[in-house]
Protein backbone atom coordinates (compact mmCIF):
# COMPACT_ATOMS: atom_id res chain seq x y z
CA UNK A 1 4.00 -24.08 28.50
CA UNK A 2 0.38 -24.63 26.03
CA UNK A 3 -0.67 -21.52 26.88
CA UNK A 4 2.52 -19.86 25.67
CA UNK A 5 2.05 -21.44 22.19
CA UNK A 6 -1.55 -21.06 22.06
CA UNK A 7 -1.36 -17.13 23.25
CA UNK A 8 1.77 -16.97 20.30
CA UNK A 9 -0.35 -18.58 17.80
CA UNK A 10 -3.26 -16.75 18.10
CA UNK A 11 -1.56 -13.26 17.59
CA UNK A 12 0.00 -14.35 14.58
CA UNK A 13 -3.63 -15.34 13.41
CA UNK A 14 -4.90 -11.99 14.36
CA UNK A 15 -2.01 -10.18 12.83
CA UNK A 16 -2.68 -12.16 9.82
CA UNK A 17 -6.24 -11.43 9.43
CA UNK A 18 -5.73 -7.77 9.63
CA UNK A 19 -2.89 -7.68 7.50
CA UNK A 20 -6.07 -8.75 4.83
CA UNK A 21 -7.78 -6.18 5.36
CA UNK A 22 -7.15 -4.03 3.04
CA UNK A 23 -6.24 -6.38 0.24
CA UNK A 24 -10.55 -7.15 0.23
CA UNK A 25 -11.31 -3.35 0.97
CA UNK A 26 -12.21 -4.38 4.84
CA UNK A 27 -13.63 -1.26 6.72
CA UNK A 28 -11.84 -1.70 10.29
CA UNK A 29 -13.91 0.09 12.42
CA UNK A 30 -16.68 -1.92 11.58
CA UNK A 31 -14.72 -5.62 11.23
CA UNK A 32 -13.44 -4.66 14.65
CA UNK A 33 -16.33 -3.34 16.16
CA UNK A 34 -18.01 -6.80 15.16
CA UNK A 35 -14.88 -9.02 16.21
CA UNK A 36 -15.88 -7.93 20.08
CA UNK A 37 -19.21 -8.56 19.64
CA UNK A 38 -17.82 -12.14 18.76
CA UNK A 39 -15.19 -12.01 21.79
CA UNK A 40 -17.97 -11.51 24.34
CA UNK A 41 -20.29 -14.34 22.49
CA UNK A 42 -17.25 -16.38 21.86
CA UNK A 43 -16.44 -16.22 25.91
CA UNK A 44 -19.93 -16.73 26.97
CA UNK A 45 -20.07 -20.19 25.04
CA UNK A 46 -16.39 -21.29 26.22
CA UNK A 47 -16.75 -20.12 29.72
CA UNK A 48 -20.46 -21.13 30.08
CA UNK A 49 -20.60 -17.45 31.87
CA UNK A 50 -22.82 -15.35 31.10
CA UNK A 51 -21.09 -12.47 33.57
CA UNK A 52 -23.38 -9.23 33.33
CA UNK A 53 -25.24 -9.33 36.74
CA UNK A 54 -25.26 -7.63 39.68
CA UNK A 55 -22.37 -9.81 41.50
CA UNK A 56 -20.40 -8.37 38.27
CA UNK A 57 -21.16 -4.72 39.49
CA UNK A 58 -19.44 -5.27 42.65
CA UNK A 59 -16.18 -7.08 41.67
CA UNK A 60 -12.79 -5.08 42.54
CA UNK A 61 -11.32 -5.51 38.80
CA UNK A 62 -14.84 -4.11 37.22
CA UNK A 63 -13.17 -0.23 36.65
CA UNK A 64 -9.92 -1.63 35.29
CA UNK A 65 -12.05 -4.25 33.17
CA UNK A 66 -13.77 -0.94 31.56
CA UNK A 67 -10.55 0.89 31.02
CA UNK A 68 -8.94 -1.90 29.59
CA UNK A 69 -12.34 -2.58 27.19
CA UNK A 70 -11.81 1.02 26.14
CA UNK A 71 -7.89 0.72 25.47
CA UNK A 72 -9.04 -2.63 23.57
CA UNK A 73 -10.68 -1.29 21.34
CA UNK A 74 -8.36 1.89 20.89
CA UNK A 75 -4.81 0.07 20.27
CA UNK A 76 -6.79 -2.13 17.83
CA UNK A 77 -7.70 0.54 15.51
CA UNK A 78 -4.23 1.78 16.19
CA UNK A 79 -3.09 -1.81 15.14
CA UNK A 80 -4.94 -2.10 11.75
CA UNK A 81 -3.84 1.56 10.76
CA UNK A 82 -0.19 0.72 11.66
CA UNK A 83 -0.34 -2.59 9.70
CA UNK A 84 -2.23 -0.86 6.50
CA UNK A 85 0.70 2.06 6.81
CA UNK A 86 3.96 0.64 7.50
CA UNK A 87 3.74 -3.51 6.92
CA UNK A 88 2.80 -6.43 9.31
CA UNK A 89 6.47 -6.49 10.35
CA UNK A 90 6.95 -3.48 11.20
CA UNK A 91 4.28 -3.21 13.73
CA UNK A 92 4.93 -6.32 15.63
CA UNK A 93 8.07 -5.06 16.12
CA UNK A 94 6.43 -1.88 17.32
CA UNK A 95 3.71 -3.44 19.43
CA UNK A 96 5.62 -6.01 20.88
CA UNK A 97 8.99 -4.15 21.90
CA UNK A 98 6.92 -2.26 24.33
CA UNK A 99 7.21 -5.32 26.66
CA UNK A 100 9.66 -2.76 28.47
CA UNK A 101 7.20 -1.10 29.52
CA UNK A 102 5.85 -3.96 32.18
CA UNK A 103 8.57 -5.40 32.45
CA UNK A 104 10.13 -1.94 34.40
CA UNK A 105 6.70 -2.22 36.04
CA UNK A 106 7.41 -5.22 37.09
CA UNK A 107 10.64 -4.73 38.11
CA UNK A 108 9.28 -1.80 40.59
CA UNK A 109 6.19 -2.78 41.55
CA UNK A 110 6.54 -6.36 42.10
CA UNK A 111 10.03 -6.31 43.03
CA UNK A 112 11.54 -8.73 40.52
CA UNK A 113 15.11 -8.81 39.46
CA UNK A 114 16.87 -6.57 36.81
CA UNK A 115 20.50 -6.95 36.03
CA UNK A 116 22.95 -5.91 33.85
CA UNK A 117 22.00 -7.64 30.62
CA UNK A 118 17.95 -7.21 31.09
CA UNK A 119 18.71 -3.68 31.42
CA UNK A 120 21.31 -3.49 28.49
CA UNK A 121 18.13 -5.36 26.78
CA UNK A 122 15.57 -2.42 27.33
CA UNK A 123 18.20 0.11 26.52
CA UNK A 124 18.53 -1.80 22.97
CA UNK A 125 14.91 -2.17 22.32
CA UNK A 126 14.91 1.52 21.32
CA UNK A 127 17.44 1.51 18.46
CA UNK A 128 15.39 -1.29 17.74
CA UNK A 129 12.35 0.36 16.93
CA UNK A 130 13.76 3.27 14.65
CA UNK A 131 15.84 0.78 12.68
CA UNK A 132 13.00 -1.43 11.73
CA UNK A 133 10.94 1.80 11.21
CA UNK A 134 13.79 3.69 8.97
CA UNK A 135 13.62 3.21 4.97
CA UNK A 136 15.24 4.85 1.69
CA UNK A 137 12.13 6.28 0.78
CA UNK A 138 11.27 7.99 3.90
CA UNK A 139 13.69 8.89 6.56
CA UNK A 140 11.43 11.77 7.86
CA UNK A 141 10.35 11.99 11.47
CA UNK A 142 6.99 11.41 10.71
CA UNK A 143 7.07 8.01 9.74
CA UNK A 144 7.93 6.99 13.72
CA UNK A 145 4.39 8.57 14.76
CA UNK A 146 2.64 5.25 14.25
CA UNK A 147 5.04 2.77 15.80
CA UNK A 148 6.08 4.83 18.65
CA UNK A 149 2.02 5.42 19.33
CA UNK A 150 1.63 1.97 19.16
CA UNK A 151 4.68 1.05 21.49
CA UNK A 152 3.47 3.07 24.03
CA UNK A 153 -0.22 2.55 24.40
CA UNK A 154 0.54 -1.37 23.78
CA UNK A 155 3.11 -1.04 26.77
CA UNK A 156 0.81 0.66 28.80
CA UNK A 157 -2.11 -2.74 27.93
CA UNK A 158 -0.06 -5.01 28.78
CA UNK A 159 1.15 -3.26 32.30
CA UNK A 160 -2.59 -2.92 32.78
CA UNK A 161 -3.21 -6.23 32.25
CA UNK A 162 -0.47 -7.55 34.10
CA UNK A 163 -1.28 -5.61 37.07
CA UNK A 164 -5.31 -6.66 36.52
CA UNK A 165 -4.32 -10.28 36.81
CA UNK A 166 -1.83 -10.05 39.33
CA UNK A 167 -4.20 -8.07 41.74
CA UNK A 168 -7.34 -9.50 41.10
CA UNK A 169 -7.56 -12.74 38.30
CA UNK A 170 -7.05 -15.49 41.28
CA UNK A 171 -9.49 -17.91 40.23
CA UNK A 172 -10.50 -19.63 36.45
CA UNK A 173 -13.98 -17.75 36.77
CA UNK A 174 -12.76 -14.16 37.64
CA UNK A 175 -10.28 -14.49 34.81
CA UNK A 176 -13.38 -15.62 32.55
CA UNK A 177 -15.51 -12.57 33.72
CA UNK A 178 -13.08 -10.03 33.16
CA UNK A 179 -11.89 -11.10 29.90
CA UNK A 180 -15.71 -10.87 28.53
CA UNK A 181 -16.67 -7.88 30.11
CA UNK A 182 -13.50 -6.09 28.76
CA UNK A 183 -14.55 -7.03 25.20
CA UNK A 184 -17.76 -6.15 26.33
CA UNK A 185 -16.83 -2.38 26.45
CA UNK A 186 -14.49 -2.33 23.53
CA UNK A 187 -17.87 -3.74 21.78
CA UNK A 188 -20.23 -1.23 23.56
CA UNK A 189 -17.87 1.78 23.08
CA UNK A 190 -17.30 0.51 19.55
CA UNK A 191 -20.95 0.03 18.45
CA UNK A 192 -22.07 3.64 19.61
CA UNK A 193 -18.96 5.26 17.23
CA UNK A 194 -20.62 3.12 14.57
CA UNK A 195 -23.93 4.36 14.69
CA UNK A 196 -23.09 8.26 15.18
CA UNK A 197 -21.23 7.77 11.94
CA UNK A 198 -24.16 5.86 9.96
CA UNK A 199 -26.16 8.57 11.44
CA UNK A 200 -23.33 11.09 9.71
CA UNK A 201 -23.28 9.07 6.79
CA UNK A 202 -19.87 8.72 7.23
CA UNK A 203 -19.72 4.94 6.76
CA UNK A 204 -21.42 2.84 4.76
CA UNK A 205 -22.30 -1.10 5.72
CA UNK A 206 -21.80 -3.67 3.86
CA UNK A 207 -21.78 -7.51 5.04
CA UNK A 208 -18.10 -8.51 4.33
CA UNK A 209 -17.17 -6.19 7.30
CA UNK A 210 -18.95 -8.47 9.59
CA UNK A 211 -17.40 -11.98 7.32
CA UNK A 212 -14.40 -10.14 8.36
CA UNK A 213 -15.13 -9.36 11.99
CA UNK A 214 -16.22 -12.86 12.95
CA UNK A 215 -13.18 -14.11 11.54
CA UNK A 216 -11.12 -12.11 13.81
CA UNK A 217 -13.09 -12.17 16.88
CA UNK A 218 -12.74 -16.02 17.54
CA UNK A 219 -8.80 -16.14 17.46
CA UNK A 220 -8.61 -12.58 19.11
CA UNK A 221 -11.21 -13.54 22.37
CA UNK A 222 -8.73 -17.04 22.75
CA UNK A 223 -5.71 -14.58 22.59
CA UNK A 224 -6.31 -12.37 25.27
CA UNK A 225 -8.10 -15.54 27.32
CA UNK A 226 -5.04 -17.51 27.33
CA UNK A 227 -2.56 -14.47 27.75
CA UNK A 228 -4.25 -13.96 31.13
CA UNK A 229 -3.59 -17.92 31.69
CA UNK A 230 -0.45 -17.94 30.97
CA UNK A 231 0.50 -15.02 33.24
CA UNK A 232 -1.33 -16.67 35.60
CA UNK A 233 0.14 -20.09 35.09
CA UNK A 234 3.21 -18.52 37.28
CA UNK A 235 6.19 -20.88 34.86
CA UNK A 236 7.98 -17.49 35.01
CA UNK A 237 8.18 -14.19 35.98
CA UNK A 238 6.32 -11.48 34.42
CA UNK A 239 9.30 -9.48 33.34
CA UNK A 240 10.35 -12.80 31.90
CA UNK A 241 7.20 -14.42 30.27
CA UNK A 242 6.01 -11.08 28.71
CA UNK A 243 9.41 -10.89 26.96
CA UNK A 244 9.18 -14.64 25.94
CA UNK A 245 5.76 -14.50 24.41
CA UNK A 246 6.32 -11.20 22.43
CA UNK A 247 9.81 -12.49 20.97
CA UNK A 248 7.97 -15.96 19.64
CA UNK A 249 5.17 -13.58 18.09
CA UNK A 250 7.47 -11.15 16.72
CA UNK A 251 9.71 -14.22 14.86
CA UNK A 252 6.04 -16.08 13.78
CA UNK A 253 4.12 -12.79 12.64
CA UNK A 254 7.72 -12.34 10.49
CA UNK A 255 7.92 -15.76 9.07
CA UNK A 256 4.30 -15.70 8.56
CA UNK A 257 4.94 -12.03 6.49
CA UNK A 258 7.65 -13.11 4.77
CA UNK A 259 5.57 -16.93 3.49
CA UNK A 260 2.05 -15.75 2.97
CA UNK A 261 2.39 -11.90 2.05
CA UNK A 262 5.98 -11.58 0.78
CA UNK A 263 6.73 -8.89 2.76
CA UNK A 264 10.41 -7.74 1.81
CA UNK A 265 12.78 -7.05 4.58
CA UNK A 266 15.07 -4.11 3.69
CA UNK A 267 18.59 -3.86 4.80
CA UNK A 268 17.42 -1.35 7.92
CA UNK A 269 14.41 -3.26 9.02
CA UNK A 270 16.28 -6.42 8.70
CA UNK A 271 19.06 -4.81 11.13
CA UNK A 272 16.09 -3.48 13.64
CA UNK A 273 14.44 -7.15 13.61
CA UNK A 274 18.04 -9.11 14.74
CA UNK A 275 18.46 -5.90 17.25
CA UNK A 276 14.62 -6.58 18.36
CA UNK A 277 15.16 -10.25 18.86
CA UNK A 278 18.92 -9.52 20.41
CA UNK A 279 16.66 -7.03 22.87
CA UNK A 280 13.96 -8.95 23.79
CA UNK A 281 16.27 -12.14 24.56
CA UNK A 282 18.18 -10.21 26.86
CA UNK A 283 15.40 -9.27 28.51
CA UNK A 284 13.84 -12.67 28.77
CA UNK A 285 16.91 -14.46 30.06
CA UNK A 286 18.95 -12.11 31.58
CA UNK A 287 18.24 -13.21 34.67
CA UNK A 288 20.05 -16.77 33.75
């Protein structure tokens, strides 16, 4: 249960830090690349492992870890942009409702039980996203683009994390090594992109971006590290663990947005949040 609670709180911190980027004019790309470098350093210090050895080259999880690293930096940049455009609550809703994707995969790949209540919850998730992104000012279809992309890619990443953990990461050493390699891959891809943009003079270096990246990197490492631990704890089925995490993150992030960032929830967003909460609860506890 500790891993579940820790994952929730750390995800709220990550969302809050991203929310502060526009206020302090932080360049998201520079900060996120720095964040991944900090994740690697934090992981090596915390776990006492430096997994960049010849043994790692033969690890069965390595190709999947490289894929997950590329997905990390892509989705993180999408999340930062979506937070800036649509707000913290809408971004979290779109991201966390993506749980329907790993739930479906868990049911079909791992033969986990899916009753009628869980299926109803999955179907409810889609109108919840629409309502959460609907506003009086903009009802055009384009307003759904970023949240919809985030929904699909986040769900795919959750599915990938669950698959890697279930198939390969049965020891603490493997869990730590895979997590660090994922972040190293994301950091390497990011550094290459940043260097190219610097060479093209499309980016300007500022120390505040480095500071922002450090603030983001430490909680971000532990959010993924404890997520893997939570999935490996086997307290709940993966089709229940992920929904429980997402509903908790959703509620906690929404409360944080209202308390600390004074985000206002209109009637459509409020309806979407309530429907999202009901959907995730039905998915998570549908077997009870």
